């Protein structure tokens, strides 16, 4: 049985809140699963788009 270890997301924009702090907008892309043997797999529910440099960065956030 696989266990969800991380959420996968892409930063798609940023903005300043009312206090002048920079905040970021994220697009949820999928999850990272770990199987019984410790192998990790990335399951995408959406395809990420490349940035201005043609790069694709996916951020992994631990499940809380």
N, C-alpha and C. Protein backbone atom coordinates (compact mmCIF):
# COMPACT_ATOMS: atom_id res chain seq x y z
N UNK A 1 0.85 -1.18 0.00
CA UNK A 1 0.00 0.00 0.00
C UNK A 1 0.89 1.24 0.00
N UNK A 2 0.70 2.12 -0.97
CA UNK A 2 1.48 3.35 -1.07
C UNK A 2 0.93 4.40 -0.12
N UNK A 3 1.83 5.26 0.35
CA UNK A 3 1.47 6.32 1.28
C UNK A 3 1.84 7.66 0.65
N UNK A 4 0.92 8.63 0.73
CA UNK A 4 1.19 9.98 0.21
C UNK A 4 2.17 10.66 1.16
N UNK A 5 3.32 11.11 0.62
CA UNK A 5 4.37 11.75 1.41
C UNK A 5 4.44 13.26 1.22
N UNK A 6 4.18 13.73 -0.02
CA UNK A 6 4.31 15.14 -0.33
C UNK A 6 3.20 15.59 -1.28
N UNK A 7 2.83 16.86 -1.18
CA UNK A 7 2.02 17.51 -2.19
C UNK A 7 2.99 18.13 -3.20
N UNK A 8 2.66 18.09 -4.47
CA UNK A 8 3.49 18.69 -5.52
C UNK A 8 2.76 19.93 -6.05
N UNK A 9 3.47 21.04 -6.11
CA UNK A 9 2.86 22.30 -6.54
C UNK A 9 3.86 23.12 -7.34
N UNK A 10 3.33 24.03 -8.14
CA UNK A 10 4.16 24.94 -8.92
C UNK A 10 3.81 26.37 -8.54
N UNK A 11 4.82 27.22 -8.34
CA UNK A 11 4.58 28.64 -8.09
C UNK A 11 4.17 29.28 -9.41
N UNK A 12 3.01 29.94 -9.42
CA UNK A 12 2.50 30.52 -10.66
C UNK A 12 2.39 32.04 -10.62
N UNK A 13 2.69 32.65 -9.49
CA UNK A 13 2.63 34.10 -9.40
C UNK A 13 2.97 34.57 -8.00
N UNK A 14 3.10 35.89 -7.84
CA UNK A 14 3.33 36.46 -6.52
C UNK A 14 2.62 37.79 -6.41
N UNK A 15 2.40 38.21 -5.17
CA UNK A 15 1.69 39.46 -4.92
C UNK A 15 2.12 39.98 -3.55
N UNK A 16 1.78 41.22 -3.26
CA UNK A 16 2.03 41.80 -1.94
C UNK A 16 0.72 41.89 -1.20
N UNK A 17 0.72 41.46 0.07
CA UNK A 17 -0.49 41.56 0.87
C UNK A 17 -0.61 42.97 1.44
N UNK A 18 -1.64 43.20 2.26
CA UNK A 18 -1.89 44.55 2.82
C UNK A 18 -0.77 45.04 3.72
N UNK A 19 0.01 44.10 4.29
CA UNK A 19 1.14 44.48 5.15
C UNK A 19 2.42 44.68 4.35
N UNK A 20 2.38 44.55 3.03
CA UNK A 20 3.55 44.73 2.18
C UNK A 20 4.43 43.50 2.06
N UNK A 21 3.96 42.35 2.58
CA UNK A 21 4.73 41.11 2.49
C UNK A 21 4.50 40.45 1.14
N UNK A 22 5.56 39.87 0.58
CA UNK A 22 5.43 39.13 -0.67
C UNK A 22 4.86 37.75 -0.39
N UNK A 23 3.79 37.41 -1.09
CA UNK A 23 3.14 36.10 -0.98
C UNK A 23 3.12 35.47 -2.37
N UNK A 24 2.96 34.15 -2.42
CA UNK A 24 3.01 33.43 -3.68
C UNK A 24 1.73 32.66 -3.94
N UNK A 25 1.37 32.53 -5.21
CA UNK A 25 0.24 31.69 -5.63
C UNK A 25 0.80 30.37 -6.13
N UNK A 26 0.15 29.28 -5.73
CA UNK A 26 0.61 27.94 -6.11
C UNK A 26 -0.50 27.20 -6.85
N UNK A 27 -0.09 26.37 -7.80
CA UNK A 27 -1.00 25.49 -8.52
C UNK A 27 -0.68 24.07 -8.07
N UNK A 28 -1.68 23.38 -7.51
CA UNK A 28 -1.49 22.00 -7.08
C UNK A 28 -1.38 21.12 -8.32
N UNK A 29 -0.30 20.31 -8.39
CA UNK A 29 -0.05 19.47 -9.56
C UNK A 29 -0.29 17.99 -9.29
N UNK A 30 -0.15 17.55 -8.05
CA UNK A 30 -0.32 16.13 -7.73
C UNK A 30 0.31 15.79 -6.40
N UNK A 31 0.76 14.54 -6.26
CA UNK A 31 1.33 14.05 -5.00
C UNK A 31 2.53 13.15 -5.27
N UNK A 32 3.36 13.00 -4.24
CA UNK A 32 4.45 12.03 -4.26
C UNK A 32 4.06 10.90 -3.32
N UNK A 33 4.15 9.67 -3.84
CA UNK A 33 3.78 8.48 -3.08
C UNK A 33 5.03 7.67 -2.76
N UNK A 34 5.02 7.01 -1.59
CA UNK A 34 6.10 6.10 -1.22
C UNK A 34 5.51 4.70 -1.08
N UNK A 35 6.13 3.70 -1.75
CA UNK A 35 5.62 2.33 -1.64
C UNK A 35 6.28 1.60 -0.47
N UNK A 36 5.93 0.35 -0.30
CA UNK A 36 6.42 -0.45 0.83
C UNK A 36 7.95 -0.60 0.83
N UNK A 37 8.57 -0.51 -0.35
CA UNK A 37 10.01 -0.67 -0.48
C UNK A 37 10.77 0.65 -0.34
N UNK A 38 10.04 1.76 -0.12
CA UNK A 38 10.66 3.07 0.04
C UNK A 38 10.87 3.83 -1.26
N UNK A 39 10.38 3.30 -2.38
CA UNK A 39 10.52 3.98 -3.66
C UNK A 39 9.48 5.10 -3.76
N UNK A 40 9.90 6.23 -4.33
CA UNK A 40 9.02 7.37 -4.48
C UNK A 40 8.52 7.47 -5.92
N UNK A 41 7.25 7.86 -6.07
CA UNK A 41 6.65 8.08 -7.38
C UNK A 41 5.89 9.39 -7.36
N UNK A 42 5.96 10.12 -8.47
CA UNK A 42 5.24 11.38 -8.62
C UNK A 42 4.01 11.14 -9.48
N UNK A 43 2.82 11.41 -8.94
CA UNK A 43 1.57 11.28 -9.69
C UNK A 43 1.06 12.69 -9.99
N UNK A 44 1.06 13.05 -11.27
CA UNK A 44 0.61 14.37 -11.69
C UNK A 44 -0.87 14.34 -12.07
N UNK A 45 -1.62 15.31 -11.56
CA UNK A 45 -3.02 15.50 -11.93
C UNK A 45 -3.17 16.65 -12.92
N UNK A 46 -2.10 17.43 -13.08
CA UNK A 46 -2.07 18.55 -14.02
C UNK A 46 -0.64 18.66 -14.54
N UNK A 47 -0.48 19.17 -15.74
CA UNK A 47 0.86 19.34 -16.31
C UNK A 47 1.38 20.73 -16.03
N UNK A 48 2.62 20.84 -15.53
CA UNK A 48 3.19 22.16 -15.26
C UNK A 48 3.60 22.85 -16.56
N UNK A 49 3.60 24.16 -16.53
CA UNK A 49 4.04 24.95 -17.67
C UNK A 49 5.45 25.48 -17.40
N UNK A 50 6.28 25.57 -18.44
CA UNK A 50 7.63 26.11 -18.24
C UNK A 50 7.60 27.61 -17.94
N UNK A 51 8.64 28.08 -17.22
CA UNK A 51 8.76 29.51 -16.94
C UNK A 51 9.36 30.22 -18.15
N UNK A 52 9.75 31.49 -17.98
CA UNK A 52 10.29 32.29 -19.07
C UNK A 52 11.59 31.72 -19.62
N UNK A 53 12.32 30.94 -18.82
CA UNK A 53 13.59 30.34 -19.25
C UNK A 53 13.39 28.94 -19.84
N UNK A 54 12.14 28.48 -19.90
CA UNK A 54 11.87 27.15 -20.41
C UNK A 54 12.03 26.05 -19.37
N UNK A 55 12.20 26.44 -18.10
CA UNK A 55 12.39 25.48 -17.02
C UNK A 55 11.06 25.14 -16.35
N UNK A 56 10.98 23.94 -15.81
CA UNK A 56 9.82 23.54 -15.01
C UNK A 56 10.32 23.18 -13.62
N UNK A 57 9.81 23.88 -12.61
CA UNK A 57 10.17 23.62 -11.22
C UNK A 57 8.92 23.15 -10.49
N UNK A 58 9.04 22.04 -9.77
CA UNK A 58 7.94 21.53 -8.97
C UNK A 58 8.39 21.53 -7.51
N UNK A 59 7.61 22.16 -6.65
CA UNK A 59 7.90 22.22 -5.22
C UNK A 59 7.19 21.08 -4.51
N UNK A 60 7.89 20.45 -3.55
CA UNK A 60 7.31 19.37 -2.76
C UNK A 60 7.11 19.84 -1.33
N UNK A 61 5.90 19.68 -0.82
CA UNK A 61 5.56 20.09 0.52
C UNK A 61 5.09 18.90 1.33
N UNK A 62 5.69 18.65 2.51
CA UNK A 62 5.27 17.51 3.32
C UNK A 62 3.79 17.57 3.66
N UNK A 63 3.17 16.40 3.75
CA UNK A 63 1.77 16.30 4.15
C UNK A 63 1.70 16.64 5.64
N UNK A 64 0.75 17.48 6.00
CA UNK A 64 0.60 17.87 7.43
C UNK A 64 -0.49 17.06 8.06
